[in-house]
Each structure stands twice: as structure tokens, then as C-alpha cells.
Amino acid sequence: MGTRFSEVGAPAAMAKLWFATLLRDGFALAASADNGSFAAIGANVLRELLGGVELNHDLDGAVDHIMNGMAGLELHPDVPTESGHSPLPVSDSSP
């Protein structure tokens, strides 16, 4: 995901901050019984983080570009796919 950030002019390292913030906000919302969608939370966090960064895309375009990168991630081999659901690969960057 760091590549997606750098492609819009943001530091690649911001990907880790974005994901940590996304998890924090997602867990907080779940704990308060306000279950927002992963994509909506992720896009909102991106808008907050990228708002102060000089980008080579407009803000909405940068958010779309980064969020679309999630669809290109590969699943970990231990994720079952026979359930008929479409799992979304998410990583905390651990091996």
C-alpha cells in the first residue's frame, strides 16, 4: 500500500499510520456499536491524513487511488475462500 501513497505524492510510510488509525477507529466504532463500513472508515481516515499533504492528485482522487489499491492485495494463504464470501485482504505488515 505504500506504493499507492507515493503514487499520489504522499510519503509511503504514511500507509502504516493510515492502517493503524483505521484499525483504531474501526475498533472504537465497533465497541460503541456503531459499525461503519471498512471502506468508509478507511476513506475518512485518508481524508484526514492527506489533508495537510501536498499531493499530485486532488484529495478525492488520491483517496480513490489508495482505496482502490486494497482490491489488488492478495489474500494470505490461510484465508478460506470456499464460503462464498469475498474476503478483503488486510495486513498489519507482519510476516
C-alpha atoms as a PDB file:
ATOM      1  CA  MET A   1       0.000   0.000   0.000  1.00  0.00           C
ATOM      2  CA  GLY A   2       2.973   2.292   0.498  1.00  0.00           C
ATOM      3  CA  THR A   3       3.355   2.446  -3.274  1.00  0.00           C
ATOM      4  CA  ARG A   4      -0.189   3.764  -3.616  1.00  0.00           C
ATOM      5  CA  PHE A   5       0.592   6.554  -1.171  1.00  0.00           C
ATOM      6  CA  SER A   6       3.768   7.542  -3.010  1.00  0.00           C
ATOM      7  CA  GLU A   7       1.921   7.480  -6.346  1.00  0.00           C
ATOM      8  CA  VAL A   8      -0.281  10.339  -5.115  1.00  0.00           C
ATOM      9  CA  GLY A   9       2.635  12.305  -3.676  1.00  0.00           C
ATOM     10  CA  ALA A  10       2.307  11.238  -0.031  1.00  0.00           C
ATOM     11  CA  PRO A  11       5.100   9.533   1.910  1.00  0.00           C
ATOM     12  CA  ALA A  12       4.978   5.739   1.529  1.00  0.00           C
ATOM     13  CA  ALA A  13       5.455   5.386   5.289  1.00  0.00           C
ATOM     14  CA  MET A  14       2.079   7.079   5.789  1.00  0.00           C
ATOM     15  CA  ALA A  15       0.462   3.770   4.804  1.00  0.00           C
ATOM     16  CA  LYS A  16       1.362   2.293   8.203  1.00  0.00           C
ATOM     17  CA  LEU A  17      -0.062   5.295  10.061  1.00  0.00           C
ATOM     18  CA  TRP A  18      -3.218   5.128   7.949  1.00  0.00           C
ATOM     19  CA  PHE A  19      -3.749   1.445   8.651  1.00  0.00           C
ATOM     20  CA  ALA A  20      -3.081   1.790  12.392  1.00  0.00           C
ATOM     21  CA  THR A  21      -5.519   4.717  12.564  1.00  0.00           C
ATOM     22  CA  LEU A  22      -8.082   2.789  10.525  1.00  0.00           C
ATOM     23  CA  LEU A  23      -7.901  -0.142  12.944  1.00  0.00           C
ATOM     24  CA  ARG A  24      -8.124   2.170  15.966  1.00  0.00           C
ATOM     25  CA  ASP A  25     -11.182   3.966  14.609  1.00  0.00           C
ATOM     26  CA  GLY A  26     -12.802   0.739  13.457  1.00  0.00           C
ATOM     27  CA  PHE A  27     -12.378  -0.917  16.851  1.00  0.00           C
ATOM     28  CA  ALA A  28     -13.665   2.199  18.629  1.00  0.00           C
ATOM     29  CA  LEU A  29     -16.757   2.311  16.436  1.00  0.00           C
ATOM     30  CA  ALA A  30     -17.376  -1.410  16.896  1.00  0.00           C
ATOM     31  CA  ALA A  31     -17.038  -1.056  20.681  1.00  0.00           C
ATOM     32  CA  SER A  32     -19.659   1.684  20.637  1.00  0.00           C
ATOM     33  CA  ALA A  33     -21.976  -0.486  18.488  1.00  0.00           C
ATOM     34  CA  ASP A  34     -21.582   1.877  15.522  1.00  0.00           C
ATOM     35  CA  ASN A  35     -20.386  -0.491  12.829  1.00  0.00           C
ATOM     36  CA  GLY A  36     -19.288   1.625   9.886  1.00  0.00           C
ATOM     37  CA  SER A  37     -18.005   0.025   6.721  1.00  0.00           C
ATOM     38  CA  PHE A  38     -14.294  -0.629   6.449  1.00  0.00           C
ATOM     39  CA  ALA A  39     -14.146   1.320   3.171  1.00  0.00           C
ATOM     40  CA  ALA A  40     -15.960   4.354   4.572  1.00  0.00           C
ATOM     41  CA  ILE A  41     -13.786   4.467   7.685  1.00  0.00           C
ATOM     42  CA  GLY A  42     -10.648   3.995   5.584  1.00  0.00           C
ATOM     43  CA  ALA A  43     -11.601   6.797   3.197  1.00  0.00           C
ATOM     44  CA  ASN A  44     -12.413   9.172   6.068  1.00  0.00           C
ATOM     45  CA  VAL A  45      -9.085   8.476   7.757  1.00  0.00           C
ATOM     46  CA  LEU A  46      -7.295   9.058   4.449  1.00  0.00           C
ATOM     47  CA  ARG A  47      -9.008  12.420   4.006  1.00  0.00           C
ATOM     48  CA  GLU A  48      -7.860  13.469   7.471  1.00  0.00           C
ATOM     49  CA  LEU A  49      -4.266  12.291   6.983  1.00  0.00           C
ATOM     50  CA  LEU A  50      -3.841  13.563   3.425  1.00  0.00           C
ATOM     51  CA  GLY A  51      -5.499  16.919   4.070  1.00  0.00           C
ATOM     52  CA  GLY A  52      -2.210  18.537   5.063  1.00  0.00           C
ATOM     53  CA  VAL A  53      -0.026  16.844   2.451  1.00  0.00           C
ATOM     54  CA  GLU A  54       0.928  18.374  -0.887  1.00  0.00           C
ATOM     55  CA  LEU A  55      -0.366  15.791  -3.365  1.00  0.00           C
ATOM     56  CA  ASN A  56      -0.091  15.361  -7.123  1.00  0.00           C
ATOM     57  CA  HIS A  57      -3.823  14.412  -7.232  1.00  0.00           C
ATOM     58  CA  ASP A  58      -6.839  16.224  -5.864  1.00  0.00           C
ATOM     59  CA  LEU A  59      -7.816  14.882  -2.431  1.00  0.00           C
ATOM     60  CA  ASP A  60     -10.769  12.778  -3.628  1.00  0.00           C
ATOM     61  CA  GLY A  61      -8.687  11.332  -6.464  1.00  0.00           C
ATOM     62  CA  ALA A  62      -5.886  10.443  -4.053  1.00  0.00           C
ATOM     63  CA  VAL A  63      -8.322   8.769  -1.653  1.00  0.00           C
ATOM     64  CA  ASP A  64      -9.886   6.771  -4.503  1.00  0.00           C
ATOM     65  CA  HIS A  65      -6.466   5.737  -5.827  1.00  0.00           C
ATOM     66  CA  ILE A  66      -5.310   4.470  -2.445  1.00  0.00           C
ATOM     67  CA  MET A  67      -8.602   2.748  -1.590  1.00  0.00           C
ATOM     68  CA  ASN A  68      -8.660   1.034  -4.998  1.00  0.00           C
ATOM     69  CA  GLY A  69      -5.275  -0.431  -4.106  1.00  0.00           C
ATOM     70  CA  MET A  70      -6.952  -2.563  -1.451  1.00  0.00           C
ATOM     71  CA  ALA A  71      -8.673  -4.559  -4.197  1.00  0.00           C
ATOM     72  CA  GLY A  72      -5.288  -5.515  -5.650  1.00  0.00           C
ATOM     73  CA  LEU A  73      -3.905  -7.048  -2.457  1.00  0.00           C
ATOM     74  CA  GLU A  74      -3.528 -10.804  -2.385  1.00  0.00           C
ATOM     75  CA  LEU A  75      -5.015 -12.944   0.352  1.00  0.00           C
ATOM     76  CA  HIS A  76      -2.844 -14.721   2.877  1.00  0.00           C
ATOM     77  CA  PRO A  77      -2.718 -18.461   2.088  1.00  0.00           C
ATOM     78  CA  ASP A  78      -4.552 -19.361   5.318  1.00  0.00           C
ATOM     79  CA  VAL A  79      -7.708 -17.406   4.388  1.00  0.00           C
ATOM     80  CA  PRO A  80     -10.562 -19.744   3.427  1.00  0.00           C
ATOM     81  CA  THR A  81     -12.316 -18.730   0.223  1.00  0.00           C
ATOM     82  CA  GLU A  82     -14.845 -21.554  -0.128  1.00  0.00           C
ATOM     83  CA  SER A  83     -17.513 -19.789   1.955  1.00  0.00           C
ATOM     84  CA  GLY A  84     -18.931 -17.835  -0.965  1.00  0.00           C
ATOM     85  CA  HIS A  85     -17.877 -14.536   0.642  1.00  0.00           C
ATOM     86  CA  SER A  86     -15.474 -12.088  -0.939  1.00  0.00           C
ATOM     87  CA  PRO A  87     -12.772 -11.586   1.671  1.00  0.00           C
ATOM     88  CA  LEU A  88     -10.786  -8.356   1.697  1.00  0.00           C
ATOM     89  CA  PRO A  89      -7.078  -8.814   2.344  1.00  0.00           C
ATOM     90  CA  VAL A  90      -5.859  -6.724   5.240  1.00  0.00           C
ATOM     91  CA  SER A  91      -2.383  -6.831   6.720  1.00  0.00           C
ATOM     92  CA  ASP A  92      -0.621  -5.350   9.681  1.00  0.00           C
ATOM     93  CA  SER A  93       2.660  -5.831   7.772  1.00  0.00           C
ATOM     94  CA  SER A  94       3.714  -8.759   9.957  1.00  0.00           C
ATOM     95  CA  PRO A  95       5.380 -11.652   8.155  1.00  0.00           C
END
